[in-house]
């Protein structure tokens, strides 16, 4: 998959926009939290300004990535993306949100917007997944139409260890809860 254009998206509470250099401090603050980083395969811990600069300068330009902020106050909440996938899927959905924003439905709301965007652009199969110790992420994915397809092991950069990973896929047009 070539990266899709990152068009601004809106939901009732959220604005999704391209990440900017002005997000670097928030990215370091939230992705640098071990409770966030341990849920992600590629985010190291500790996570510093050089990691945010690498993300913004080297990853963002070649991927379909949105910064997620609250519409009402433009407060940065996290990141969501559609990345090229080495497999049968057209893209992999990934996301993380700062710990202060967990449990508010923001991940589900942002994921609904991004899968609708993917559906509208003809992506027929998305993949995603979560580490087995993070079932809340699995519930987000189920709410936007993903189904469990298997188990694997993935290395978590923050944990520096291979962990059990629940694999999920979503077909275009799958119903959401």
C-alpha atoms as a PDB file:
ATOM      1  CA  UNK A   1       0.000   0.000   0.000  1.00  0.00           C
ATOM      2  CA  UNK A   2       1.269   3.432  -0.868  1.00  0.00           C
ATOM      3  CA  UNK A   3       0.405   5.906   1.859  1.00  0.00           C
ATOM      4  CA  UNK A   4      -2.991   7.466   1.416  1.00  0.00           C
ATOM      5  CA  UNK A   5      -3.248  11.247   1.685  1.00  0.00           C
ATOM      6  CA  UNK A   6      -3.798  12.338   5.256  1.00  0.00           C
ATOM      7  CA  UNK A   7      -6.996  14.308   5.007  1.00  0.00           C
ATOM      8  CA  UNK A   8      -8.379  16.020   8.101  1.00  0.00           C
ATOM      9  CA  UNK A   9     -11.174  13.971   9.681  1.00  0.00           C
ATOM     10  CA  UNK A  10     -13.782  15.063  12.237  1.00  0.00           C
ATOM     11  CA  UNK A  11     -16.018  13.247  14.666  1.00  0.00           C
ATOM     12  CA  UNK A  12     -18.401  14.614  17.263  1.00  0.00           C
ATOM     13  CA  UNK A  13     -15.572  15.241  19.728  1.00  0.00           C
ATOM     14  CA  UNK A  14     -12.341  14.801  17.796  1.00  0.00           C
ATOM     15  CA  UNK A  15     -10.285  16.376  15.050  1.00  0.00           C
ATOM     16  CA  UNK A  16      -7.787  14.155  13.247  1.00  0.00           C
ATOM     17  CA  UNK A  17      -5.041  16.026  11.391  1.00  0.00           C
ATOM     18  CA  UNK A  18      -1.496  15.479  10.156  1.00  0.00           C
ATOM     19  CA  UNK A  19       1.034  15.438  13.013  1.00  0.00           C
ATOM     20  CA  UNK A  20       3.184  18.555  13.280  1.00  0.00           C
ATOM     21  CA  UNK A  21       6.469  19.524  14.922  1.00  0.00           C
ATOM     22  CA  UNK A  22       4.435  21.369  17.555  1.00  0.00           C
ATOM     23  CA  UNK A  23       3.153  17.958  18.746  1.00  0.00           C
ATOM     24  CA  UNK A  24       6.643  16.756  19.718  1.00  0.00           C
ATOM     25  CA  UNK A  25       6.431  17.631  23.426  1.00  0.00           C
ATOM     26  CA  UNK A  26       3.052  15.912  23.793  1.00  0.00           C
ATOM     27  CA  UNK A  27       4.289  12.869  21.869  1.00  0.00           C
ATOM     28  CA  UNK A  28       7.283  12.570  24.198  1.00  0.00           C
ATOM     29  CA  UNK A  29       5.090  13.061  27.289  1.00  0.00           C
ATOM     30  CA  UNK A  30       2.455  10.501  26.362  1.00  0.00           C
ATOM     31  CA  UNK A  31       4.391   7.910  24.322  1.00  0.00           C
ATOM     32  CA  UNK A  32       7.147   8.158  26.930  1.00  0.00           C
ATOM     33  CA  UNK A  33       4.813   6.827  29.621  1.00  0.00           C
ATOM     34  CA  UNK A  34       5.777   3.171  30.190  1.00  0.00           C
ATOM     35  CA  UNK A  35       2.090   2.244  30.522  1.00  0.00           C
ATOM     36  CA  UNK A  36       1.543   3.497  26.956  1.00  0.00           C
ATOM     37  CA  UNK A  37       4.830   2.279  25.453  1.00  0.00           C
ATOM     38  CA  UNK A  38       4.520  -1.288  26.742  1.00  0.00           C
ATOM     39  CA  UNK A  39       1.299  -1.720  24.743  1.00  0.00           C
ATOM     40  CA  UNK A  40       3.082  -0.914  21.466  1.00  0.00           C
ATOM     41  CA  UNK A  41       5.482  -3.010  19.419  1.00  0.00           C
ATOM     42  CA  UNK A  42       7.731  -0.293  18.024  1.00  0.00           C
ATOM     43  CA  UNK A  43       7.842   2.418  20.700  1.00  0.00           C
ATOM     44  CA  UNK A  44      10.973   2.250  22.870  1.00  0.00           C
ATOM     45  CA  UNK A  45      11.218   3.179  26.514  1.00  0.00           C
ATOM     46  CA  UNK A  46      12.536   5.560  27.541  1.00  0.00           C
ATOM     47  CA  UNK A  47      11.145   7.707  24.720  1.00  0.00           C
ATOM     48  CA  UNK A  48      12.778  11.084  24.251  1.00  0.00           C
ATOM     49  CA  UNK A  49      12.807  14.116  21.957  1.00  0.00           C
ATOM     50  CA  UNK A  50      15.046  12.328  19.446  1.00  0.00           C
ATOM     51  CA  UNK A  51      12.460   9.535  19.162  1.00  0.00           C
ATOM     52  CA  UNK A  52       9.673  12.056  18.528  1.00  0.00           C
ATOM     53  CA  UNK A  53      11.852  13.801  15.919  1.00  0.00           C
ATOM     54  CA  UNK A  54      12.473  10.453  14.174  1.00  0.00           C
ATOM     55  CA  UNK A  55       8.728   9.722  14.217  1.00  0.00           C
ATOM     56  CA  UNK A  56       7.778  13.143  12.850  1.00  0.00           C
ATOM     57  CA  UNK A  57      10.582  13.417  10.264  1.00  0.00           C
ATOM     58  CA  UNK A  58      11.061   9.827   9.097  1.00  0.00           C
ATOM     59  CA  UNK A  59       7.862   7.845   9.804  1.00  0.00           C
ATOM     60  CA  UNK A  60       5.042  10.359   9.326  1.00  0.00           C
ATOM     61  CA  UNK A  61       6.000  11.435   5.760  1.00  0.00           C
ATOM     62  CA  UNK A  62       5.814   7.835   4.489  1.00  0.00           C
ATOM     63  CA  UNK A  63       2.672   6.714   6.290  1.00  0.00           C
ATOM     64  CA  UNK A  64      -0.945   7.670   6.762  1.00  0.00           C
ATOM     65  CA  UNK A  65      -0.817   9.121  10.294  1.00  0.00           C
ATOM     66  CA  UNK A  66      -3.142  11.434  12.172  1.00  0.00           C
ATOM     67  CA  UNK A  67      -2.671  13.340  15.395  1.00  0.00           C
ATOM     68  CA  UNK A  68      -5.882  13.136  17.401  1.00  0.00           C
ATOM     69  CA  UNK A  69      -7.055  16.147  19.356  1.00  0.00           C
ATOM     70  CA  UNK A  70     -10.215  17.177  21.123  1.00  0.00           C
ATOM     71  CA  UNK A  71     -12.292  19.388  18.864  1.00  0.00           C
ATOM     72  CA  UNK A  72     -13.374  21.674  21.711  1.00  0.00           C
ATOM     73  CA  UNK A  73      -9.914  22.660  22.974  1.00  0.00           C
ATOM     74  CA  UNK A  74      -7.401  21.211  20.422  1.00  0.00           C
ATOM     75  CA  UNK A  75      -5.714  19.244  23.225  1.00  0.00           C
ATOM     76  CA  UNK A  76      -3.462  16.517  21.755  1.00  0.00           C
ATOM     77  CA  UNK A  77      -4.657  13.054  22.802  1.00  0.00           C
ATOM     78  CA  UNK A  78      -2.657  10.564  20.730  1.00  0.00           C
ATOM     79  CA  UNK A  79      -1.968   9.133  17.289  1.00  0.00           C
ATOM     80  CA  UNK A  80      -3.766   6.794  14.888  1.00  0.00           C
ATOM     81  CA  UNK A  81      -2.473   5.411  11.592  1.00  0.00           C
ATOM     82  CA  UNK A  82      -2.893   3.164   8.585  1.00  0.00           C
ATOM     83  CA  UNK A  83       0.496   1.656   7.760  1.00  0.00           C
ATOM     84  CA  UNK A  84       1.639  -0.617   4.942  1.00  0.00           C
ATOM     85  CA  UNK A  85       1.382  -4.257   6.001  1.00  0.00           C
ATOM     86  CA  UNK A  86       3.561  -7.224   5.039  1.00  0.00           C
ATOM     87  CA  UNK A  87       0.775  -9.694   4.418  1.00  0.00           C
ATOM     88  CA  UNK A  88      -2.626 -10.117   2.841  1.00  0.00           C
ATOM     89  CA  UNK A  89      -4.122  -6.982   4.393  1.00  0.00           C
ATOM     90  CA  UNK A  90      -4.117  -3.641   2.596  1.00  0.00           C
ATOM     91  CA  UNK A  91      -2.995  -1.768   5.721  1.00  0.00           C
ATOM     92  CA  UNK A  92      -2.500  -2.104   9.460  1.00  0.00           C
ATOM     93  CA  UNK A  93      -4.468   0.086  11.858  1.00  0.00           C
ATOM     94  CA  UNK A  94      -2.408   1.274  14.797  1.00  0.00           C
ATOM     95  CA  UNK A  95      -3.082   3.774  17.549  1.00  0.00           C
ATOM     96  CA  UNK A  96      -2.049   4.993  20.944  1.00  0.00           C
ATOM     97  CA  UNK A  97      -3.515   7.569  23.317  1.00  0.00           C
ATOM     98  CA  UNK A  98      -2.033   9.265  26.357  1.00  0.00           C
ATOM     99  CA  UNK A  99      -2.917   7.515  29.589  1.00  0.00           C
ATOM    100  CA  UNK A 100      -4.940  10.492  30.947  1.00  0.00           C
ATOM    101  CA  UNK A 101      -7.372   9.954  28.042  1.00  0.00           C
ATOM    102  CA  UNK A 102      -7.960   6.208  28.422  1.00  0.00           C
ATOM    103  CA  UNK A 103     -11.507   5.078  29.116  1.00  0.00           C
ATOM    104  CA  UNK A 104     -13.237   8.014  27.419  1.00  0.00           C
ATOM    105  CA  UNK A 105     -14.083   6.338  24.102  1.00  0.00           C
ATOM    106  CA  UNK A 106     -11.595   8.452  22.146  1.00  0.00           C
ATOM    107  CA  UNK A 107      -9.786   5.453  20.624  1.00  0.00           C
ATOM    108  CA  UNK A 108     -13.040   3.926  19.398  1.00  0.00           C
ATOM    109  CA  UNK A 109     -14.257   7.243  18.022  1.00  0.00           C
ATOM    110  CA  UNK A 110     -10.995   7.897  16.155  1.00  0.00           C
ATOM    111  CA  UNK A 111     -10.836   4.307  14.890  1.00  0.00           C
ATOM    112  CA  UNK A 112     -14.378   4.561  13.493  1.00  0.00           C
ATOM    113  CA  UNK A 113     -13.347   7.658  11.530  1.00  0.00           C
ATOM    114  CA  UNK A 114     -10.205   6.016  10.167  1.00  0.00           C
ATOM    115  CA  UNK A 115     -11.863   2.736   9.143  1.00  0.00           C
ATOM    116  CA  UNK A 116     -14.614   4.731   7.396  1.00  0.00           C
ATOM    117  CA  UNK A 117     -11.838   6.634   5.605  1.00  0.00           C
ATOM    118  CA  UNK A 118     -10.212   3.311   4.614  1.00  0.00           C
ATOM    119  CA  UNK A 119     -13.546   1.900   3.422  1.00  0.00           C
ATOM    120  CA  UNK A 120     -14.195   5.003   1.294  1.00  0.00           C
ATOM    121  CA  UNK A 121     -10.787   4.596  -0.350  1.00  0.00           C
ATOM    122  CA  UNK A 122     -11.420   0.973  -1.265  1.00  0.00           C
ATOM    123  CA  UNK A 123      -9.148  -0.789   1.215  1.00  0.00           C
ATOM    124  CA  UNK A 124     -10.739  -4.200   1.444  1.00  0.00           C
ATOM    125  CA  UNK A 125      -8.867  -5.734   4.389  1.00  0.00           C
ATOM    126  CA  UNK A 126      -7.288  -4.105   7.429  1.00  0.00           C
ATOM    127  CA  UNK A 127      -5.193  -5.822  10.055  1.00  0.00           C
ATOM    128  CA  UNK A 128      -4.495  -4.856  13.631  1.00  0.00           C
ATOM    129  CA  UNK A 129      -3.964  -6.520  16.959  1.00  0.00           C
ATOM    130  CA  UNK A 130      -3.015  -6.114  20.568  1.00  0.00           C
ATOM    131  CA  UNK A 131      -0.816  -7.666  23.206  1.00  0.00           C
ATOM    132  CA  UNK A 132      -2.772 -10.175  25.287  1.00  0.00           C
ATOM    133  CA  UNK A 133      -2.313  -8.098  28.447  1.00  0.00           C
ATOM    134  CA  UNK A 134      -4.216  -5.182  26.835  1.00  0.00           C
ATOM    135  CA  UNK A 135      -7.768  -6.459  26.268  1.00  0.00           C
ATOM    136  CA  UNK A 136      -9.147  -2.891  26.248  1.00  0.00           C
ATOM    137  CA  UNK A 137      -7.482  -2.405  22.863  1.00  0.00           C
ATOM    138  CA  UNK A 138      -9.162  -5.581  21.642  1.00  0.00           C
ATOM    139  CA  UNK A 139     -12.538  -4.180  22.660  1.00  0.00           C
ATOM    140  CA  UNK A 140     -11.841  -1.012  20.646  1.00  0.00           C
ATOM    141  CA  UNK A 141     -11.041  -3.105  17.579  1.00  0.00           C
ATOM    142  CA  UNK A 142     -14.129  -5.300  17.992  1.00  0.00           C
ATOM    143  CA  UNK A 143     -16.328  -2.187  18.198  1.00  0.00           C
ATOM    144  CA  UNK A 144     -15.093  -1.064  14.772  1.00  0.00           C
ATOM    145  CA  UNK A 145     -15.620  -4.417  13.081  1.00  0.00           C
ATOM    146  CA  UNK A 146     -12.363  -6.326  13.625  1.00  0.00           C
ATOM    147  CA  UNK A 147     -12.456 -10.058  14.315  1.00  0.00           C
ATOM    148  CA  UNK A 148      -9.828 -12.241  15.955  1.00  0.00           C
ATOM    149  CA  UNK A 149      -7.904 -14.315  13.444  1.00  0.00           C
ATOM    150  CA  UNK A 150      -5.094 -15.856  15.457  1.00  0.00           C
ATOM    151  CA  UNK A 151      -2.234 -15.513  17.883  1.00  0.00           C
ATOM    152  CA  UNK A 152       1.416 -14.702  17.284  1.00  0.00           C
ATOM    153  CA  UNK A 153       4.330 -13.345  19.212  1.00  0.00           C
ATOM    154  CA  UNK A 154       5.625  -9.829  18.696  1.00  0.00           C
ATOM    155  CA  UNK A 155       8.491  -8.091  20.324  1.00  0.00           C
ATOM    156  CA  UNK A 156       7.688  -5.051  22.381  1.00  0.00           C
ATOM    157  CA  UNK A 157      10.515  -2.519  22.169  1.00  0.00           C
ATOM    158  CA  UNK A 158       9.565  -1.045  25.552  1.00  0.00           C
ATOM    159  CA  UNK A 159       9.404  -4.442  27.261  1.00  0.00           C
ATOM    160  CA  UNK A 160      12.395  -5.740  25.258  1.00  0.00           C
ATOM    161  CA  UNK A 161      10.687  -9.108  25.048  1.00  0.00           C
ATOM    162  CA  UNK A 162       8.458 -11.174  22.802  1.00  0.00           C
ATOM    163  CA  UNK A 163       4.870 -11.193  23.992  1.00  0.00           C
ATOM    164  CA  UNK A 164       1.670 -12.970  22.949  1.00  0.00           C
ATOM    165  CA  UNK A 165      -0.151 -10.857  20.327  1.00  0.00           C
ATOM    166  CA  UNK A 166      -3.800 -11.275  19.295  1.00  0.00           C
ATOM    167  CA  UNK A 167      -4.135 -10.804  15.517  1.00  0.00           C
ATOM    168  CA  UNK A 168      -7.303  -9.240  14.094  1.00  0.00           C
ATOM    169  CA  UNK A 169      -8.662  -8.291  10.672  1.00  0.00           C
ATOM    170  CA  UNK A 170     -11.533  -6.221   9.349  1.00  0.00           C
ATOM    171  CA  UNK A 171     -13.170  -6.504   5.941  1.00  0.00           C
ATOM    172  CA  UNK A 172     -14.472  -3.385   4.207  1.00  0.00           C
ATOM    173  CA  UNK A 173     -18.045  -2.646   5.224  1.00  0.00           C
ATOM    174  CA  UNK A 174     -17.934  -4.736   8.420  1.00  0.00           C
ATOM    175  CA  UNK A 175     -20.548  -3.522  10.893  1.00  0.00           C
ATOM    176  CA  UNK A 176     -19.451  -1.491  13.882  1.00  0.00           C
ATOM    177  CA  UNK A 177     -20.950  -1.544  17.355  1.00  0.00           C
END
